[in-house]
Structures are given as C-alpha cells and as structure tokens.
PDB file of N, CA and C in Angstrom:
ATOM      1  N   MET A   1     -12.589  -2.271   6.165  1.00  0.00           N
ATOM      2  CA  MET A   1     -11.743  -1.413   5.231  1.00  0.00           C
ATOM      3  C   MET A   1     -11.570  -0.152   6.046  1.00  0.00           C
ATOM      4  N   PHE A   2     -10.250   0.270   6.120  1.00  0.00           N
ATOM      5  CA  PHE A   2      -9.926   1.576   6.757  1.00  0.00           C
ATOM      6  C   PHE A   2      -8.692   2.235   5.968  1.00  0.00           C
ATOM      7  N   ALA A   3      -8.324   3.166   6.350  1.00  0.00           N
ATOM      8  CA  ALA A   3      -7.209   3.836   5.688  1.00  0.00           C
ATOM      9  C   ALA A   3      -6.526   4.852   6.871  1.00  0.00           C
ATOM     10  N   ILE A   4      -5.181   5.118   6.651  1.00  0.00           N
ATOM     11  CA  ILE A   4      -4.708   6.052   7.530  1.00  0.00           C
ATOM     12  C   ILE A   4      -4.158   7.325   6.727  1.00  0.00           C
ATOM     13  N   VAL A   5      -4.830   8.482   6.966  1.00  0.00           N
ATOM     14  CA  VAL A   5      -4.764   9.708   6.135  1.00  0.00           C
ATOM     15  C   VAL A   5      -4.213  10.740   6.906  1.00  0.00           C
ATOM     16  N   ASP A   6      -3.076  11.561   6.068  1.00  0.00           N
ATOM     17  CA  ASP A   6      -2.535  12.775   6.630  1.00  0.00           C
ATOM     18  C   ASP A   6      -3.404  13.911   6.391  1.00  0.00           C
ATOM     19  N   ILE A   7      -4.028  14.696   7.198  1.00  0.00           N
ATOM     20  CA  ILE A   7      -4.791  15.842   7.077  1.00  0.00           C
ATOM     21  C   ILE A   7      -4.204  16.904   7.994  1.00  0.00           C
ATOM     22  N   LYS A   8      -3.677  17.920   7.218  1.00  0.00           N
ATOM     23  CA  LYS A   8      -3.081  19.179   7.800  1.00  0.00           C
ATOM     24  C   LYS A   8      -2.084  18.689   8.875  1.00  0.00           C
ATOM     25  N   GLY A   9      -1.174  17.658   8.503  1.00  0.00           N
ATOM     26  CA  GLY A   9       0.020  17.366   9.441  1.00  0.00           C
ATOM     27  C   GLY A   9      -0.386  16.171  10.571  1.00  0.00           C
ATOM     28  N   ASN A  10      -1.730  15.859  10.617  1.00  0.00           N
ATOM     29  CA  ASN A  10      -2.077  14.980  11.650  1.00  0.00           C
ATOM     30  C   ASN A  10      -2.616  13.480  10.953  1.00  0.00           C
ATOM     31  N   GLN A  11      -2.162  12.479  11.485  1.00  0.00           N
ATOM     32  CA  GLN A  11      -2.730  11.339  10.840  1.00  0.00           C
ATOM     33  C   GLN A  11      -4.020  10.726  11.645  1.00  0.00           C
ATOM     34  N   PHE A  12      -4.900  10.400  10.763  1.00  0.00           N
ATOM     35  CA  PHE A  12      -6.127   9.783  11.287  1.00  0.00           C
ATOM     36  C   PHE A  12      -6.410   8.537  10.582  1.00  0.00           C
ATOM     37  N   LYS A  13      -6.904   7.540  11.419  1.00  0.00           N
ATOM     38  CA  LYS A  13      -7.402   6.218  10.999  1.00  0.00           C
ATOM     39  C   LYS A  13      -8.908   6.436  10.699  1.00  0.00           C
ATOM     40  N   ILE A  14      -9.320   6.162   9.558  1.00  0.00           N
ATOM     41  CA  ILE A  14     -10.580   6.500   9.255  1.00  0.00           C
ATOM     42  C   ILE A  14     -11.360   5.221   8.401  1.00  0.00           C
ATOM     43  N   LYS A  15     -12.444   5.197   8.444  1.00  0.00           N
ATOM     44  CA  LYS A  15     -13.410   4.328   7.708  1.00  0.00           C
ATOM     45  C   LYS A  15     -14.485   5.039   7.053  1.00  0.00           C
ATOM     46  N   GLU A  16     -15.340   4.265   6.091  1.00  0.00           N
ATOM     47  CA  GLU A  16     -16.359   4.815   5.448  1.00  0.00           C
ATOM     48  C   GLU A  16     -17.455   5.300   6.617  1.00  0.00           C
ATOM     49  N   ASN A  17     -18.165   6.262   6.279  1.00  0.00           N
ATOM     50  CA  ASN A  17     -19.366   6.674   7.020  1.00  0.00           C
ATOM     51  C   ASN A  17     -18.983   6.925   8.507  1.00  0.00           C
ATOM     52  N   GLN A  18     -17.750   7.282   8.752  1.00  0.00           N
ATOM     53  CA  GLN A  18     -17.326   7.809   9.964  1.00  0.00           C
ATOM     54  C   GLN A  18     -17.203   9.203  10.132  1.00  0.00           C
ATOM     55  N   LYS A  19     -17.471   9.734  11.413  1.00  0.00           N
ATOM     56  CA  LYS A  19     -17.406  11.122  11.511  1.00  0.00           C
ATOM     57  C   LYS A  19     -16.017  11.530  12.282  1.00  0.00           C
ATOM     58  N   VAL A  20     -15.302  12.515  11.994  1.00  0.00           N
ATOM     59  CA  VAL A  20     -14.068  12.752  12.690  1.00  0.00           C
ATOM     60  C   VAL A  20     -13.780  14.233  12.718  1.00  0.00           C
ATOM     61  N   TYR A  21     -13.382  14.555  13.862  1.00  0.00           N
ATOM     62  CA  TYR A  21     -12.939  16.041  14.099  1.00  0.00           C
ATOM     63  C   TYR A  21     -11.272  16.044  13.573  1.00  0.00           C
ATOM     64  N   VAL A  22     -11.274  17.110  12.723  1.00  0.00           N
ATOM     65  CA  VAL A  22      -9.829  17.314  12.049  1.00  0.00           C
ATOM     66  C   VAL A  22      -9.606  18.728  12.416  1.00  0.00           C
ATOM     67  N   PRO A  23      -8.326  19.235  12.237  1.00  0.00           N
ATOM     68  CA  PRO A  23      -8.069  20.684  12.407  1.00  0.00           C
ATOM     69  C   PRO A  23      -8.975  21.576  11.364  1.00  0.00           C
ATOM     70  N   LYS A  24      -9.128  22.689  11.626  1.00  0.00           N
ATOM     71  CA  LYS A  24     -10.143  23.493  10.961  1.00  0.00           C
ATOM     72  C   LYS A  24      -9.745  23.650   9.390  1.00  0.00           C
ATOM     73  N   LEU A  25     -10.757  23.269   8.636  1.00  0.00           N
ATOM     74  CA  LEU A  25     -10.549  23.329   7.211  1.00  0.00           C
ATOM     75  C   LEU A  25     -11.096  24.688   6.684  1.00  0.00           C
ATOM     76  N   GLN A  26     -10.633  25.341   5.577  1.00  0.00           N
ATOM     77  CA  GLN A  26     -11.171  26.428   5.019  1.00  0.00           C
ATOM     78  C   GLN A  26     -12.503  26.415   4.232  1.00  0.00           C
ATOM     79  N   GLU A  27     -12.831  25.149   3.960  1.00  0.00           N
ATOM     80  CA  GLU A  27     -14.121  24.900   3.176  1.00  0.00           C
ATOM     81  C   GLU A  27     -15.338  25.178   3.973  1.00  0.00           C
ATOM     82  N   GLU A  28     -16.366  25.559   3.413  1.00  0.00           N
ATOM     83  CA  GLU A  28     -17.727  25.887   3.988  1.00  0.00           C
ATOM     84  C   GLU A  28     -18.402  24.590   4.245  1.00  0.00           C
ATOM     85  N   ILE A  29     -19.469  24.756   5.327  1.00  0.00           N
ATOM     86  CA  ILE A  29     -20.194  23.746   5.600  1.00  0.00           C
ATOM     87  C   ILE A  29     -21.168  23.253   4.553  1.00  0.00           C
ATOM     88  N   GLY A  30     -21.029  21.839   4.456  1.00  0.00           N
ATOM     89  CA  GLY A  30     -21.784  21.288   3.261  1.00  0.00           C
ATOM     90  C   GLY A  30     -20.892  20.831   2.020  1.00  0.00           C
ATOM     91  N   LYS A  31     -19.621  21.518   1.939  1.00  0.00           N
ATOM     92  CA  LYS A  31     -18.745  21.203   0.861  1.00  0.00           C
ATOM     93  C   LYS A  31     -18.089  19.817   0.772  1.00  0.00           C
ATOM     94  N   LYS A  32     -17.849  19.418  -0.239  1.00  0.00           N
ATOM     95  CA  LYS A  32     -17.043  18.137  -0.587  1.00  0.00           C
ATOM     96  C   LYS A  32     -15.515  18.501  -0.333  1.00  0.00           C
ATOM     97  N   VAL A  33     -14.866  17.716   0.333  1.00  0.00           N
ATOM     98  CA  VAL A  33     -13.429  17.856   0.427  1.00  0.00           C
ATOM     99  C   VAL A  33     -12.784  16.480   0.038  1.00  0.00           C
ATOM    100  N   SER A  34     -11.447  16.404  -0.615  1.00  0.00           N
ATOM    101  CA  SER A  34     -10.807  15.397  -0.800  1.00  0.00           C
ATOM    102  C   SER A  34      -9.500  15.337  -0.312  1.00  0.00           C
ATOM    103  N   PHE A  35      -8.882  14.130   0.332  1.00  0.00           N
ATOM    104  CA  PHE A  35      -7.512  14.158   0.792  1.00  0.00           C
ATOM    105  C   PHE A  35      -6.797  13.016   0.064  1.00  0.00           C
ATOM    106  N   ASP A  36      -5.715  13.423  -0.409  1.00  0.00           N
ATOM    107  CA  ASP A  36      -4.991  12.482  -1.308  1.00  0.00           C
ATOM    108  C   ASP A  36      -3.708  11.958  -0.520  1.00  0.00           C
ATOM    109  N   LYS A  37      -3.298  12.355   0.523  1.00  0.00           N
ATOM    110  CA  LYS A  37      -2.165  11.769   1.313  1.00  0.00           C
ATOM    111  C   LYS A  37      -2.615  10.625   2.111  1.00  0.00           C
ATOM    112  N   VAL A  38      -2.713   9.575   1.521  1.00  0.00           N
ATOM    113  CA  VAL A  38      -3.196   8.259   1.951  1.00  0.00           C
ATOM    114  C   VAL A  38      -1.919   7.389   2.248  1.00  0.00           C
ATOM    115  N   LEU A  39      -1.673   7.229   3.567  1.00  0.00           N
ATOM    116  CA  LEU A  39      -0.456   6.571   3.996  1.00  0.00           C
ATOM    117  C   LEU A  39      -0.484   4.998   3.956  1.00  0.00           C
ATOM    118  N   PHE A  40      -1.669   4.502   4.413  1.00  0.00           N
ATOM    119  CA  PHE A  40      -2.042   3.131   4.529  1.00  0.00           C
ATOM    120  C   PHE A  40      -3.337   2.793   4.226  1.00  0.00           C
ATOM    121  N   TYR A  41      -3.576   1.634   3.431  1.00  0.00           N
ATOM    122  CA  TYR A  41      -4.992   1.279   3.108  1.00  0.00           C
ATOM    123  C   TYR A  41      -5.143  -0.286   3.191  1.00  0.00           C
ATOM    124  N   THR A  42      -6.367  -0.464   3.612  1.00  0.00           N
ATOM    125  CA  THR A  42      -6.461  -1.992   3.485  1.00  0.00           C
ATOM    126  C   THR A  42      -8.132  -2.144   3.117  1.00  0.00           C
ATOM    127  N   ALA A  43      -8.192  -3.114   2.327  1.00  0.00           N
ATOM    128  CA  ALA A  43      -9.616  -3.535   1.953  1.00  0.00           C
ATOM    129  C   ALA A  43     -10.473  -4.506   2.768  1.00  0.00           C
ATOM    130  N   ASP A  44      -9.466  -5.297   3.220  1.00  0.00           N
ATOM    131  CA  ASP A  44      -9.959  -6.366   4.195  1.00  0.00           C
ATOM    132  C   ASP A  44      -8.816  -6.625   5.444  1.00  0.00           C
ATOM    133  N   GLU A  45      -8.994  -7.537   6.084  1.00  0.00           N
ATOM    134  CA  GLU A  45      -8.062  -7.781   7.342  1.00  0.00           C
ATOM    135  C   GLU A  45      -6.751  -8.655   6.867  1.00  0.00           C
ATOM    136  N   LYS A  46      -6.731  -9.069   5.633  1.00  0.00           N
ATOM    137  CA  LYS A  46      -5.680  -9.842   5.151  1.00  0.00           C
ATOM    138  C   LYS A  46      -4.700  -9.205   4.384  1.00  0.00           C
ATOM    139  N   THR A  47      -5.166  -8.350   3.484  1.00  0.00           N
ATOM    140  CA  THR A  47      -4.296  -7.646   2.561  1.00  0.00           C
ATOM    141  C   THR A  47      -4.293  -6.137   2.820  1.00  0.00           C
ATOM    142  N   PHE A  48      -3.065  -5.429   2.558  1.00  0.00           N
ATOM    143  CA  PHE A  48      -2.870  -4.099   2.905  1.00  0.00           C
ATOM    144  C   PHE A  48      -1.969  -3.409   1.846  1.00  0.00           C
ATOM    145  N   GLU A  49      -2.040  -2.197   1.926  1.00  0.00           N
ATOM    146  CA  GLU A  49      -1.114  -1.391   0.995  1.00  0.00           C
ATOM    147  C   GLU A  49      -0.312  -0.336   1.871  1.00  0.00           C
ATOM    148  N   VAL A  50       1.040  -0.173   1.869  1.00  0.00           N
ATOM    149  CA  VAL A  50       1.670   0.772   2.620  1.00  0.00           C
ATOM    150  C   VAL A  50       2.485   1.781   1.647  1.00  0.00           C
ATOM    151  N   GLY A  51       2.147   3.091   1.883  1.00  0.00           N
ATOM    152  CA  GLY A  51       2.786   4.030   0.916  1.00  0.00           C
ATOM    153  C   GLY A  51       4.179   4.281   1.244  1.00  0.00           C
ATOM    154  N   SER A  52       4.935   4.664   0.136  1.00  0.00           N
ATOM    155  CA  SER A  52       6.245   5.230   0.380  1.00  0.00           C
ATOM    156  C   SER A  52       6.551   6.426  -0.350  1.00  0.00           C
ATOM    157  N   PRO A  53       6.146   7.553  -0.175  1.00  0.00           N
ATOM    158  CA  PRO A  53       5.414   7.958   1.200  1.00  0.00           C
ATOM    159  C   PRO A  53       3.867   7.804   1.100  1.00  0.00           C
ATOM    160  N   VAL A  54       3.398   8.107   0.015  1.00  0.00           N
ATOM    161  CA  VAL A  54       1.870   8.061  -0.212  1.00  0.00           C
ATOM    162  C   VAL A  54       1.332   7.037  -1.301  1.00  0.00           C
ATOM    163  N   LEU A  55      -0.030   6.669  -1.103  1.00  0.00           N
ATOM    164  CA  LEU A  55      -0.761   5.797  -2.126  1.00  0.00           C
ATOM    165  C   LEU A  55      -1.488   6.636  -3.115  1.00  0.00           C
ATOM    166  N   ASN A  56      -1.958   5.859  -4.113  1.00  0.00           N
ATOM    167  CA  ASN A  56      -2.696   6.640  -5.186  1.00  0.00           C
ATOM    168  C   ASN A  56      -4.208   6.394  -4.856  1.00  0.00           C
ATOM    169  N   HIS A  57      -4.504   6.465  -3.578  1.00  0.00           N
ATOM    170  CA  HIS A  57      -5.962   6.437  -3.157  1.00  0.00           C
ATOM    171  C   HIS A  57      -6.454   8.002  -2.642  1.00  0.00           C
ATOM    172  N   ILE A  58      -7.766   8.008  -2.777  1.00  0.00           N
ATOM    173  CA  ILE A  58      -8.239   9.390  -2.396  1.00  0.00           C
ATOM    174  C   ILE A  58      -9.338   9.186  -1.529  1.00  0.00           C
ATOM    175  N   VAL A  59      -9.522   9.965  -0.341  1.00  0.00           N
ATOM    176  CA  VAL A  59     -10.535   9.895   0.584  1.00  0.00           C
ATOM    177  C   VAL A  59     -11.533  11.054   0.222  1.00  0.00           C
ATOM    178  N   GLU A  60     -12.737  10.877   0.166  1.00  0.00           N
ATOM    179  CA  GLU A  60     -13.720  11.804  -0.138  1.00  0.00           C
ATOM    180  C   GLU A  60     -14.672  12.094   1.216  1.00  0.00           C
ATOM    181  N   ALA A  61     -14.747  13.351   1.573  1.00  0.00           N
ATOM    182  CA  ALA A  61     -15.405  13.615   2.762  1.00  0.00           C
ATOM    183  C   ALA A  61     -16.444  14.894   2.563  1.00  0.00           C
ATOM    184  N   THR A  62     -17.323  15.047   3.485  1.00  0.00           N
ATOM    185  CA  THR A  62     -18.119  16.342   3.475  1.00  0.00           C
ATOM    186  C   THR A  62     -17.861  16.996   4.966  1.00  0.00           C
ATOM    187  N   VAL A  63     -17.875  18.285   4.722  1.00  0.00           N
ATOM    188  CA  VAL A  63     -17.657  19.157   6.023  1.00  0.00           C
ATOM    189  C   VAL A  63     -19.019  19.268   6.647  1.00  0.00           C
ATOM    190  N   LEU A  64     -19.177  18.883   7.961  1.00  0.00           N
ATOM    191  CA  LEU A  64     -20.373  18.995   8.577  1.00  0.00           C
ATOM    192  C   LEU A  64     -20.555  20.354   9.476  1.00  0.00           C
ATOM    193  N   GLU A  65     -19.557  20.544  10.237  1.00  0.00           N
ATOM    194  CA  GLU A  65     -19.640  21.862  10.848  1.00  0.00           C
ATOM    195  C   GLU A  65     -18.139  22.246  11.395  1.00  0.00           C
ATOM    196  N   HIS A  66     -18.138  23.441  11.888  1.00  0.00           N
ATOM    197  CA  HIS A  66     -17.002  23.982  12.512  1.00  0.00           C
ATOM    198  C   HIS A  66     -17.154  24.277  13.949  1.00  0.00           C
ATOM    199  N   VAL A  67     -16.305  23.781  14.907  1.00  0.00           N
ATOM    200  CA  VAL A  67     -16.505  23.842  16.342  1.00  0.00           C
ATOM    201  C   VAL A  67     -14.991  24.254  16.976  1.00  0.00           C
ATOM    202  N   LYS A  68     -15.391  24.547  18.237  1.00  0.00           N
ATOM    203  CA  LYS A  68     -14.193  24.934  19.035  1.00  0.00           C
ATOM    204  C   LYS A  68     -14.067  24.107  20.255  1.00  0.00           C
ATOM    205  N   ASP A  69     -12.910  23.531  20.651  1.00  0.00           N
ATOM    206  CA  ASP A  69     -12.599  22.727  21.744  1.00  0.00           C
ATOM    207  C   ASP A  69     -12.799  23.332  23.172  1.00  0.00           C
ATOM    208  N   GLU A  70     -12.858  22.606  24.222  1.00  0.00           N
ATOM    209  CA  GLU A  70     -12.730  23.266  25.388  1.00  0.00           C
ATOM    210  C   GLU A  70     -11.596  24.136  25.629  1.00  0.00           C
ATOM    211  N   LYS A  71     -11.848  25.240  26.496  1.00  0.00           N
ATOM    212  CA  LYS A  71     -10.768  26.237  26.714  1.00  0.00           C
ATOM    213  C   LYS A  71      -9.641  25.618  27.547  1.00  0.00           C
ATOM    214  N   VAL A  72      -8.301  25.898  27.228  1.00  0.00           N
ATOM    215  CA  VAL A  72      -7.365  25.538  27.966  1.00  0.00           C
ATOM    216  C   VAL A  72      -6.736  26.697  28.486  1.00  0.00           C
ATOM    217  N   ILE A  73      -6.410  26.713  29.779  1.00  0.00           N
ATOM    218  CA  ILE A  73      -5.948  27.896  30.550  1.00  0.00           C
ATOM    219  C   ILE A  73      -4.386  27.762  30.609  1.00  0.00           C
ATOM    220  N   VAL A  74      -3.731  29.013  30.260  1.00  0.00           N
ATOM    221  CA  VAL A  74      -2.331  29.038  30.182  1.00  0.00           C
ATOM    222  C   VAL A  74      -1.962  29.968  31.275  1.00  0.00           C
ATOM    223  N   PHE A  75      -1.311  29.620  32.348  1.00  0.00           N
ATOM    224  CA  PHE A  75      -1.030  30.600  33.643  1.00  0.00           C
ATOM    225  C   PHE A  75       0.447  30.540  33.749  1.00  0.00           C
ATOM    226  N   LYS A  76       0.955  31.823  33.591  1.00  0.00           N
ATOM    227  CA  LYS A  76       2.486  31.983  33.898  1.00  0.00           C
ATOM    228  C   LYS A  76       2.680  32.908  34.975  1.00  0.00           C
ATOM    229  N   LYS A  77       3.665  32.568  35.958  1.00  0.00           N
ATOM    230  CA  LYS A  77       4.133  33.083  37.314  1.00  0.00           C
ATOM    231  C   LYS A  77       5.461  33.143  37.566  1.00  0.00           C
ATOM    232  N   LYS A  78       5.900  34.320  37.953  1.00  0.00           N
ATOM    233  CA  LYS A  78       7.279  34.213  38.403  1.00  0.00           C
ATOM    234  C   LYS A  78       7.265  34.644  39.862  1.00  0.00           C
ATOM    235  N   ARG A  79       7.750  33.855  40.674  1.00  0.00           N
ATOM    236  CA  ARG A  79       7.631  34.206  42.217  1.00  0.00           C
ATOM    237  C   ARG A  79       8.428  35.357  42.707  1.00  0.00           C
ATOM    238  N   ARG A  80       7.804  36.039  43.619  1.00  0.00           N
ATOM    239  CA  ARG A  80       8.464  37.288  44.130  1.00  0.00           C
ATOM    240  C   ARG A  80       8.671  38.368  43.066  1.00  0.00           C
ATOM    241  N   LYS A  81       8.115  38.371  42.062  1.00  0.00           N
ATOM    242  CA  LYS A  81       8.245  39.483  41.111  1.00  0.00           C
ATOM    243  C   LYS A  81       6.952  40.248  40.754  1.00  0.00           C
ATOM    244  N   GLY A  82       5.876  39.699  41.160  1.00  0.00           N
ATOM    245  CA  GLY A  82       4.523  40.281  40.917  1.00  0.00           C
ATOM    246  C   GLY A  82       4.010  39.975  39.396  1.00  0.00           C
ATOM    247  N   TYR A  83       4.741  39.066  38.737  1.00  0.00           N
ATOM    248  CA  TYR A  83       4.259  38.672  37.344  1.00  0.00           C
ATOM    249  C   TYR A  83       3.385  37.554  37.336  1.00  0.00           C
ATOM    250  N   LYS A  84       2.305  37.859  36.827  1.00  0.00           N
ATOM    251  CA  LYS A  84       1.211  36.840  36.647  1.00  0.00           C
ATOM    252  C   LYS A  84       0.439  37.018  35.246  1.00  0.00           C
ATOM    253  N   VAL A  85       0.426  36.047  34.416  1.00  0.00           N
ATOM    254  CA  VAL A  85      -0.350  36.175  33.148  1.00  0.00           C
ATOM    255  C   VAL A  85      -1.281  34.981  33.056  1.00  0.00           C
ATOM    256  N   ARG A  86      -2.520  35.219  32.807  1.00  0.00           N
ATOM    257  CA  ARG A  86      -3.456  34.254  32.507  1.00  0.00           C
ATOM    258  C   ARG A  86      -4.069  34.402  31.185  1.00  0.00           C
ATOM    259  N   LYS A  87      -3.966  33.311  30.318  1.00  0.00           N
ATOM    260  CA  LYS A  87      -4.491  33.492  28.993  1.00  0.00           C
ATOM    261  C   LYS A  87      -5.311  32.157  28.795  1.00  0.00           C
ATOM    262  N   GLY A  88      -6.255  32.181  27.734  1.00  0.00           N
ATOM    263  CA  GLY A  88      -7.094  31.111  27.426  1.00  0.00           C
ATOM    264  C   GLY A  88      -6.954  30.849  25.978  1.00  0.00           C
ATOM    265  N   HIS A  89      -7.158  29.612  25.609  1.00  0.00           N
ATOM    266  CA  HIS A  89      -7.135  29.170  24.224  1.00  0.00           C
ATOM    267  C   HIS A  89      -8.085  28.150  23.769  1.00  0.00           C
ATOM    268  N   ARG A  90      -8.890  28.333  22.797  1.00  0.00           N
ATOM    269  CA  ARG A  90      -9.759  27.299  22.278  1.00  0.00           C
ATOM    270  C   ARG A  90      -9.451  26.876  20.774  1.00  0.00           C
ATOM    271  N   GLN A  91      -9.071  25.621  20.727  1.00  0.00           N
ATOM    272  CA  GLN A  91      -8.559  25.198  19.370  1.00  0.00           C
ATOM    273  C   GLN A  91      -9.713  25.076  18.522  1.00  0.00           C
ATOM    274  N   GLN A  92      -9.681  25.327  17.262  1.00  0.00           N
ATOM    275  CA  GLN A  92     -10.859  25.205  16.281  1.00  0.00           C
ATOM    276  C   GLN A  92     -10.717  23.890  15.430  1.00  0.00           C
ATOM    277  N   TYR A  93     -11.754  23.136  15.411  1.00  0.00           N
ATOM    278  CA  TYR A  93     -11.932  21.906  14.572  1.00  0.00           C
ATOM    279  C   TYR A  93     -12.821  21.896  13.572  1.00  0.00           C
ATOM    280  N   SER A  94     -12.859  21.055  12.759  1.00  0.00           N
ATOM    281  CA  SER A  94     -13.929  20.811  11.748  1.00  0.00           C
ATOM    282  C   SER A  94     -14.489  19.401  11.687  1.00  0.00           C
ATOM    283  N   LEU A  95     -15.764  19.171  11.713  1.00  0.00           N
ATOM    284  CA  LEU A  95     -16.397  17.881  11.810  1.00  0.00           C
ATOM    285  C   LEU A  95     -16.640  17.328  10.387  1.00  0.00           C
ATOM    286  N   ILE A  96     -15.976  16.321   9.982  1.00  0.00           N
ATOM    287  CA  ILE A  96     -16.203  15.720   8.576  1.00  0.00           C
ATOM    288  C   ILE A  96     -16.676  14.455   8.649  1.00  0.00           C
ATOM    289  N   SER A  97     -17.545  14.065   7.699  1.00  0.00           N
ATOM    290  CA  SER A  97     -18.095  12.809   7.638  1.00  0.00           C
ATOM    291  C   SER A  97     -17.473  11.959   6.300  1.00  0.00           C
ATOM    292  N   VAL A  98     -16.757  10.935   6.393  1.00  0.00           N
ATOM    293  CA  VAL A  98     -16.158  10.258   5.252  1.00  0.00           C
ATOM    294  C   VAL A  98     -17.139   9.548   4.401  1.00  0.00           C
ATOM    295  N   ASP A  99     -17.249   9.981   3.197  1.00  0.00           N
ATOM    296  CA  ASP A  99     -18.223   9.515   2.320  1.00  0.00           C
ATOM    297  C   ASP A  99     -17.707   8.149   1.612  1.00  0.00           C
ATOM    298  N   LYS A 100     -16.494   8.207   1.079  1.00  0.00           N
ATOM    299  CA  LYS A 100     -15.945   6.923   0.516  1.00  0.00           C
ATOM    300  C   LYS A 100     -14.368   7.088   0.315  1.00  0.00           C
ATOM    301  N   ILE A 101     -13.901   5.908   0.213  1.00  0.00           N
ATOM    302  CA  ILE A 101     -12.429   5.810   0.062  1.00  0.00           C
ATOM    303  C   ILE A 101     -12.109   5.058  -1.230  1.00  0.00           C
ATOM    304  N   ASN A 102     -11.498   5.635  -2.192  1.00  0.00           N
ATOM    305  CA  ASN A 102     -11.269   5.153  -3.544  1.00  0.00           C
ATOM    306  C   ASN A 102      -9.905   4.699  -3.508  1.00  0.00           C
TER     307      ASN A 102
END
C-alpha cells in the first residue's frame, strides 16, 4: 500500500511506517499532522485510485525532528570588474514518520 501526497507543493510517494524528509513544517516536534492532498492511492498492486485532482483519503504523520540540509555555495563573479560574491544556503527540512493512510 502506498500513496502519492502533495506536501507544500512537492509530491512524495509514501508508505505506512516510512520516514520522509519534507519541506519544513510549522508544527513542533512530536505533534501529529495530517495531509489531505492525496493524488494517488493503492491498497494493493492490482487496484488503484487516481484523484482529479485529489482523493478523499488522509495521511496521518508525526513530526520527528527539524534538520538542515548540507550547505550549497552560490558564487557570482563578473570578469575584469572586481565583482565577486560568495553566499551559502542551507535548506530546512522536517523529518516525519507516516503513521497511517486512511
């Protein structure tokens, strides 16, 4: 059994008891969250449901922690002008554990 869920504009293929990194959520660690934008659902390998645009299923999950990704360096330069800019960025994610798919 798995479902494809839209979480903050990104689509994730999830199963029950799976841990997934998603874009940072506002909820605190240990809180329960639910996602209702289920785009695709299958209970077994033979039957499936496709939403147009969404289905009436709900995915329930628990927030485990908030983490940051590795640093990405952004370097800009214009030759012969003396212009150089070096910036770093660390994207923030939340680790969730999928409890059940209704």
